[in-house]
C-alpha cells in the first residue's frame, strides 16, 4: 500500500509593516478634504444690551430676521407659517433646543410677534433674544 502524505497548505501572510503609513495617509487625506460649513445667516444689526449671557451653540436654533422681514432659521430661509414645522423638527432632534433671535434693530415687532406665536404652537418655550454688549 502506498502511503498518502498530507500536503501542507501554503500560509498567506499580510504584511503589516506599512499599515501605519496607510493609516496616516488616510488621516491626512480626510483632514485636507474636510470642509467646515459656517453659518451665514442674514445681515442684521443687533441691538445693544447692558449684560450678556452666553448660550451653548450645541442646543440653539438661531432665528435671523432682517429689516425687510426675511426669516432664516440656521441658514434655511422660510416664511412665518413654516417656523412651527421647522422648530418642531428641531425639538424632536434635541429636546433642550433654545430659539435664539438675531433680529435687526429696525425689524417691526409685528413680525416678531407672529414668529413668537409660531414658536408657542411648536411648543418651543425657551426663547432668547441676542444683543451686542453696550460699550
Protein backbone atom coordinates (compact mmCIF):
# COMPACT_ATOMS: atom_id res chain seq x y z
CA UNK A 1 0.00 0.00 0.00
CA UNK A 2 1.12 3.44 -0.85
CA UNK A 3 1.49 5.88 1.91
CA UNK A 4 -0.58 9.07 1.36
CA UNK A 5 1.05 12.13 2.74
CA UNK A 6 -0.99 15.18 3.60
CA UNK A 7 0.24 18.28 1.85
CA UNK A 8 0.54 21.36 3.96
CA UNK A 9 -1.16 24.47 2.70
CA UNK A 10 0.93 27.47 1.93
CA UNK A 11 0.30 30.08 4.55
CA UNK A 12 -0.58 33.56 3.40
CA UNK A 13 0.69 36.45 5.43
CA UNK A 14 -0.46 40.02 5.17
CA UNK A 15 2.45 42.37 5.58
CA UNK A 16 1.67 44.91 8.30
CA UNK A 17 4.88 46.91 8.13
CA UNK A 18 3.30 49.71 6.08
CA UNK A 19 -0.06 49.69 7.89
CA UNK A 20 0.81 52.76 9.96
CA UNK A 21 1.83 54.64 6.80
CA UNK A 22 -1.52 53.87 5.22
CA UNK A 23 -3.37 54.99 8.37
CA UNK A 24 -1.52 58.31 8.44
CA UNK A 25 -2.13 58.87 4.73
CA UNK A 26 -5.86 58.27 5.22
CA UNK A 27 -5.89 60.59 8.21
CA UNK A 28 -4.10 63.29 6.22
CA UNK A 29 -6.47 62.84 3.27
CA UNK A 30 -9.58 63.26 5.43
CA UNK A 31 -8.11 66.26 7.24
CA UNK A 32 -7.33 68.01 3.97
CA UNK A 33 -10.58 67.17 2.18
CA UNK A 34 -12.98 68.01 5.05
CA UNK A 35 -14.99 71.20 4.58
CA UNK A 36 -16.36 73.02 7.61
CA UNK A 37 -19.66 74.80 6.99
CA UNK A 38 -20.01 78.18 8.64
CA UNK A 39 -23.41 79.67 9.34
CA UNK A 40 -24.11 82.56 7.02
CA UNK A 41 -27.44 83.84 8.29
CA UNK A 42 -28.83 87.20 7.24
CA UNK A 43 -27.16 90.56 7.55
CA UNK A 44 -28.66 92.04 10.71
CA UNK A 45 -27.67 94.89 13.06
CA UNK A 46 -28.20 93.54 16.56
CA UNK A 47 -29.39 95.97 19.27
CA UNK A 48 -27.16 96.80 22.27
CA UNK A 49 -27.53 95.34 25.80
CA UNK A 50 -26.11 96.10 29.25
CA UNK A 51 -25.26 92.49 30.12
CA UNK A 52 -24.90 89.30 28.09
CA UNK A 53 -25.37 85.62 28.95
CA UNK A 54 -23.64 83.05 26.72
CA UNK A 55 -25.78 80.25 25.23
CA UNK A 56 -24.33 76.87 24.25
CA UNK A 57 -24.45 76.69 20.44
CA UNK A 58 -25.00 72.93 20.53
CA UNK A 59 -28.53 73.49 21.92
CA UNK A 60 -29.59 76.53 19.93
CA UNK A 61 -31.52 77.28 16.76
CA UNK A 62 -30.75 80.78 15.53
CA UNK A 63 -33.65 82.70 14.00
CA UNK A 64 -32.47 85.58 11.82
CA UNK A 65 -34.91 88.35 10.88
CA UNK A 66 -33.68 91.26 8.79
CA UNK A 67 -35.31 94.68 8.48
CA UNK A 68 -37.17 93.59 5.31
CA UNK A 69 -38.90 90.74 7.19
CA UNK A 70 -36.89 87.85 5.69
CA UNK A 71 -36.77 84.95 8.16
CA UNK A 72 -33.97 82.40 8.29
CA UNK A 73 -33.55 79.54 10.77
CA UNK A 74 -30.00 78.16 10.70
CA UNK A 75 -29.41 79.21 7.05
CA UNK A 76 -32.84 77.98 5.86
CA UNK A 77 -34.94 80.87 4.51
CA UNK A 78 -38.60 80.28 5.39
CA UNK A 79 -41.94 82.04 5.73
CA UNK A 80 -43.76 82.68 9.02
CA UNK A 81 -46.11 79.61 8.82
CA UNK A 82 -43.09 77.30 8.33
CA UNK A 83 -41.50 78.37 11.63
CA UNK A 84 -43.70 75.94 13.57
CA UNK A 85 -42.76 72.97 11.37
CA UNK A 86 -39.00 73.69 11.43
CA UNK A 87 -38.91 74.20 15.19
CA UNK A 88 -40.94 71.04 15.85
CA UNK A 89 -38.37 69.14 13.80
CA UNK A 90 -35.52 70.70 15.79
CA UNK A 91 -37.30 69.83 19.05
CA UNK A 92 -37.50 66.18 18.03
CA UNK A 93 -33.75 66.19 17.33
CA UNK A 94 -32.85 67.98 20.59
CA UNK A 95 -35.39 68.44 23.38
CA UNK A 96 -33.32 71.21 25.04
CA UNK A 97 -33.22 73.47 21.98
CA UNK A 98 -33.26 77.22 22.60
CA UNK A 99 -34.69 79.55 19.96
CA UNK A 100 -32.24 82.47 19.68
CA UNK A 101 -33.47 85.60 17.92
CA UNK A 102 -30.94 87.62 15.94
CA UNK A 103 -33.04 90.42 14.59
CA UNK A 104 -32.22 93.71 13.03
CA UNK A 105 -32.93 96.60 15.37
CA UNK A 106 -35.23 98.11 12.70
CA UNK A 107 -37.42 94.98 12.41
CA UNK A 108 -41.12 95.58 13.08
CA UNK A 109 -42.50 93.99 16.20
CA UNK A 110 -45.45 92.51 14.28
CA UNK A 111 -43.17 90.00 12.53
CA UNK A 112 -41.53 89.14 15.85
CA UNK A 113 -44.95 88.62 17.44
CA UNK A 114 -46.01 86.29 14.60
CA UNK A 115 -42.80 84.25 14.98
CA UNK A 116 -43.27 84.04 18.76
CA UNK A 117 -46.82 82.76 18.19
CA UNK A 118 -45.50 80.07 15.81
CA UNK A 119 -42.87 79.11 18.41
CA UNK A 120 -45.62 78.76 21.02
CA UNK A 121 -47.58 76.48 18.65
CA UNK A 122 -44.42 74.40 18.14
CA UNK A 123 -44.04 74.15 21.94
CA UNK A 124 -40.66 75.88 21.79
CA UNK A 125 -40.83 77.64 25.12
CA UNK A 126 -37.16 78.51 25.60
CA UNK A 127 -36.58 81.76 23.67
CA UNK A 128 -33.71 84.23 23.96
CA UNK A 129 -33.03 87.50 22.19
CA UNK A 130 -29.42 88.15 21.23
CA UNK A 131 -27.79 91.53 21.53
CA UNK A 132 -24.33 93.11 21.45
CA UNK A 133 -22.69 94.35 24.62
CA UNK A 134 -23.04 98.12 25.01
CA UNK A 135 -19.61 99.78 25.31
